Amino acid sequence: MKIVKAKWLDAATRNDVAVDIREAMDEPLVVAETIGYLLFKDKERTIISSFIFPAQKEIDRITGYKTIHIIPTGAIIKIKELKEV
């Protein structure tokens, strides 16, 4: 399983005060970074988990995942494979 660092554009929501459309158009998009295990990637979505529970026994073939990030692939600026230590 690949370990990756993804840099991506996150969506923004303003609900604290009334916002003029011109202000909203000038609002910068937030650049986010996620580091974790690349579980899935296609042209629509990229799924990264930063927490896994590996299967413990031969009988237990299911690996559990926690802290899942489902990122629209089109929002990803850059994705880089990291070396495992």
C-alpha atoms as a PDB file:
ATOM      1  CA  MET A   1       0.000   0.000   0.000  1.00  0.00           C
ATOM      2  CA  LYS A   2       1.446   3.383  -1.011  1.00  0.00           C
ATOM      3  CA  ILE A   3       2.002   6.177   1.500  1.00  0.00           C
ATOM      4  CA  VAL A   4       1.389   9.561  -0.106  1.00  0.00           C
ATOM      5  CA  LYS A   5       1.309  13.287   0.559  1.00  0.00           C
ATOM      6  CA  ALA A   6      -1.513  15.046  -1.278  1.00  0.00           C
ATOM      7  CA  LYS A   7      -1.733  18.818  -1.680  1.00  0.00           C
ATOM      8  CA  TRP A   8      -5.263  19.874  -2.615  1.00  0.00           C
ATOM      9  CA  LEU A   9      -7.731  22.764  -2.724  1.00  0.00           C
ATOM     10  CA  ASP A  10     -10.323  22.600   0.034  1.00  0.00           C
ATOM     11  CA  ALA A  11     -13.780  24.112  -0.251  1.00  0.00           C
ATOM     12  CA  ALA A  12     -14.645  27.182   1.822  1.00  0.00           C
ATOM     13  CA  THR A  13     -17.895  28.009   3.601  1.00  0.00           C
ATOM     14  CA  ARG A  14     -18.796  31.416   5.001  1.00  0.00           C
ATOM     15  CA  ASN A  15     -21.783  31.394   7.301  1.00  0.00           C
ATOM     16  CA  ASP A  16     -20.742  33.733  10.108  1.00  0.00           C
ATOM     17  CA  VAL A  17     -21.960  36.965   8.440  1.00  0.00           C
ATOM     18  CA  ALA A  18     -23.737  38.084   5.278  1.00  0.00           C
ATOM     19  CA  VAL A  19     -21.249  38.104   2.404  1.00  0.00           C
ATOM     20  CA  ASP A  20     -21.378  40.128  -0.773  1.00  0.00           C
ATOM     21  CA  ILE A  21     -20.815  38.030  -3.910  1.00  0.00           C
ATOM     22  CA  ARG A  22     -17.758  40.149  -4.783  1.00  0.00           C
ATOM     23  CA  GLU A  23     -16.217  39.263  -1.405  1.00  0.00           C
ATOM     24  CA  ALA A  24     -16.949  35.593  -1.998  1.00  0.00           C
ATOM     25  CA  MET A  25     -15.316  35.745  -5.422  1.00  0.00           C
ATOM     26  CA  ASP A  26     -12.160  37.222  -3.848  1.00  0.00           C
ATOM     27  CA  GLU A  27     -12.037  34.654  -1.037  1.00  0.00           C
ATOM     28  CA  PRO A  28      -8.871  32.558  -1.487  1.00  0.00           C
ATOM     29  CA  LEU A  29      -9.240  28.796  -1.620  1.00  0.00           C
ATOM     30  CA  VAL A  30      -7.533  26.960   1.216  1.00  0.00           C
ATOM     31  CA  VAL A  31      -4.649  24.682   0.295  1.00  0.00           C
ATOM     32  CA  ALA A  32      -4.719  21.529   2.423  1.00  0.00           C
ATOM     33  CA  GLU A  33      -2.236  18.690   2.778  1.00  0.00           C
ATOM     34  CA  THR A  34      -3.032  15.105   3.714  1.00  0.00           C
ATOM     35  CA  ILE A  35      -0.497  12.370   4.435  1.00  0.00           C
ATOM     36  CA  GLY A  36      -1.580   8.751   4.594  1.00  0.00           C
ATOM     37  CA  TYR A  37      -2.235   5.447   2.870  1.00  0.00           C
ATOM     38  CA  LEU A  38      -3.585   5.731  -0.670  1.00  0.00           C
ATOM     39  CA  LEU A  39      -6.597   3.403  -0.639  1.00  0.00           C
ATOM     40  CA  PHE A  40      -8.201   4.311  -3.964  1.00  0.00           C
ATOM     41  CA  LYS A  41      -7.864   6.769  -6.831  1.00  0.00           C
ATOM     42  CA  ASP A  42      -9.824   7.270 -10.027  1.00  0.00           C
ATOM     43  CA  LYS A  43     -10.742  10.336 -12.088  1.00  0.00           C
ATOM     44  CA  GLU A  44     -13.549  11.249  -9.660  1.00  0.00           C
ATOM     45  CA  ARG A  45     -12.178  10.649  -6.147  1.00  0.00           C
ATOM     46  CA  THR A  46      -8.984   9.946  -4.238  1.00  0.00           C
ATOM     47  CA  ILE A  47      -9.280   8.178  -0.878  1.00  0.00           C
ATOM     48  CA  ILE A  48      -6.505   8.471   1.713  1.00  0.00           C
ATOM     49  CA  SER A  49      -6.521   7.044   5.241  1.00  0.00           C
ATOM     50  CA  SER A  50      -4.163   8.324   7.903  1.00  0.00           C
ATOM     51  CA  PHE A  51      -4.984   5.493  10.322  1.00  0.00           C
ATOM     52  CA  ILE A  52      -5.185   1.756   9.614  1.00  0.00           C
ATOM     53  CA  PHE A  53      -5.815  -1.392  11.608  1.00  0.00           C
ATOM     54  CA  PRO A  54      -3.901  -4.147   9.775  1.00  0.00           C
ATOM     55  CA  ALA A  55      -5.381  -7.635   9.786  1.00  0.00           C
ATOM     56  CA  GLN A  56      -4.143  -9.387  12.952  1.00  0.00           C
ATOM     57  CA  LYS A  57      -4.481 -13.059  11.952  1.00  0.00           C
ATOM     58  CA  GLU A  58      -4.598 -15.073   8.788  1.00  0.00           C
ATOM     59  CA  ILE A  59      -8.338 -15.569   9.412  1.00  0.00           C
ATOM     60  CA  ASP A  60      -8.863 -11.801   9.866  1.00  0.00           C
ATOM     61  CA  ARG A  61      -8.331 -10.719   6.266  1.00  0.00           C
ATOM     62  CA  ILE A  62     -10.072  -7.364   6.652  1.00  0.00           C
ATOM     63  CA  THR A  63      -8.014  -4.268   7.328  1.00  0.00           C
ATOM     64  CA  GLY A  64      -9.887  -1.497   9.120  1.00  0.00           C
ATOM     65  CA  TYR A  65      -9.489   2.173   8.241  1.00  0.00           C
ATOM     66  CA  LYS A  66     -10.070   5.308  10.281  1.00  0.00           C
ATOM     67  CA  THR A  67      -9.724   9.017   9.457  1.00  0.00           C
ATOM     68  CA  ILE A  68     -10.680   8.666   5.802  1.00  0.00           C
ATOM     69  CA  HIS A  69     -10.243  11.621   3.452  1.00  0.00           C
ATOM     70  CA  ILE A  70     -12.350  11.461   0.286  1.00  0.00           C
ATOM     71  CA  ILE A  71     -10.907  14.170  -1.933  1.00  0.00           C
ATOM     72  CA  PRO A  72     -12.245  15.089  -5.376  1.00  0.00           C
ATOM     73  CA  THR A  73      -9.390  14.101  -7.695  1.00  0.00           C
ATOM     74  CA  GLY A  74      -9.860  17.335  -9.665  1.00  0.00           C
ATOM     75  CA  ALA A  75      -9.059  19.322  -6.485  1.00  0.00           C
ATOM     76  CA  ILE A  76      -5.637  17.713  -6.103  1.00  0.00           C
ATOM     77  CA  ILE A  77      -2.748  20.004  -7.000  1.00  0.00           C
ATOM     78  CA  LYS A  78      -0.019  17.442  -6.430  1.00  0.00           C
ATOM     79  CA  ILE A  79       0.317  13.932  -5.032  1.00  0.00           C
ATOM     80  CA  LYS A  80       3.685  12.441  -4.141  1.00  0.00           C
ATOM     81  CA  GLU A  81       4.564   8.933  -3.021  1.00  0.00           C
ATOM     82  CA  LEU A  82       6.581   8.884   0.217  1.00  0.00           C
ATOM     83  CA  LYS A  83       9.140   6.284   1.178  1.00  0.00           C
ATOM     84  CA  GLU A  84       8.255   3.998   4.068  1.00  0.00           C
ATOM     85  CA  VAL A  85      10.734   3.983   6.964  1.00  0.00           C
END
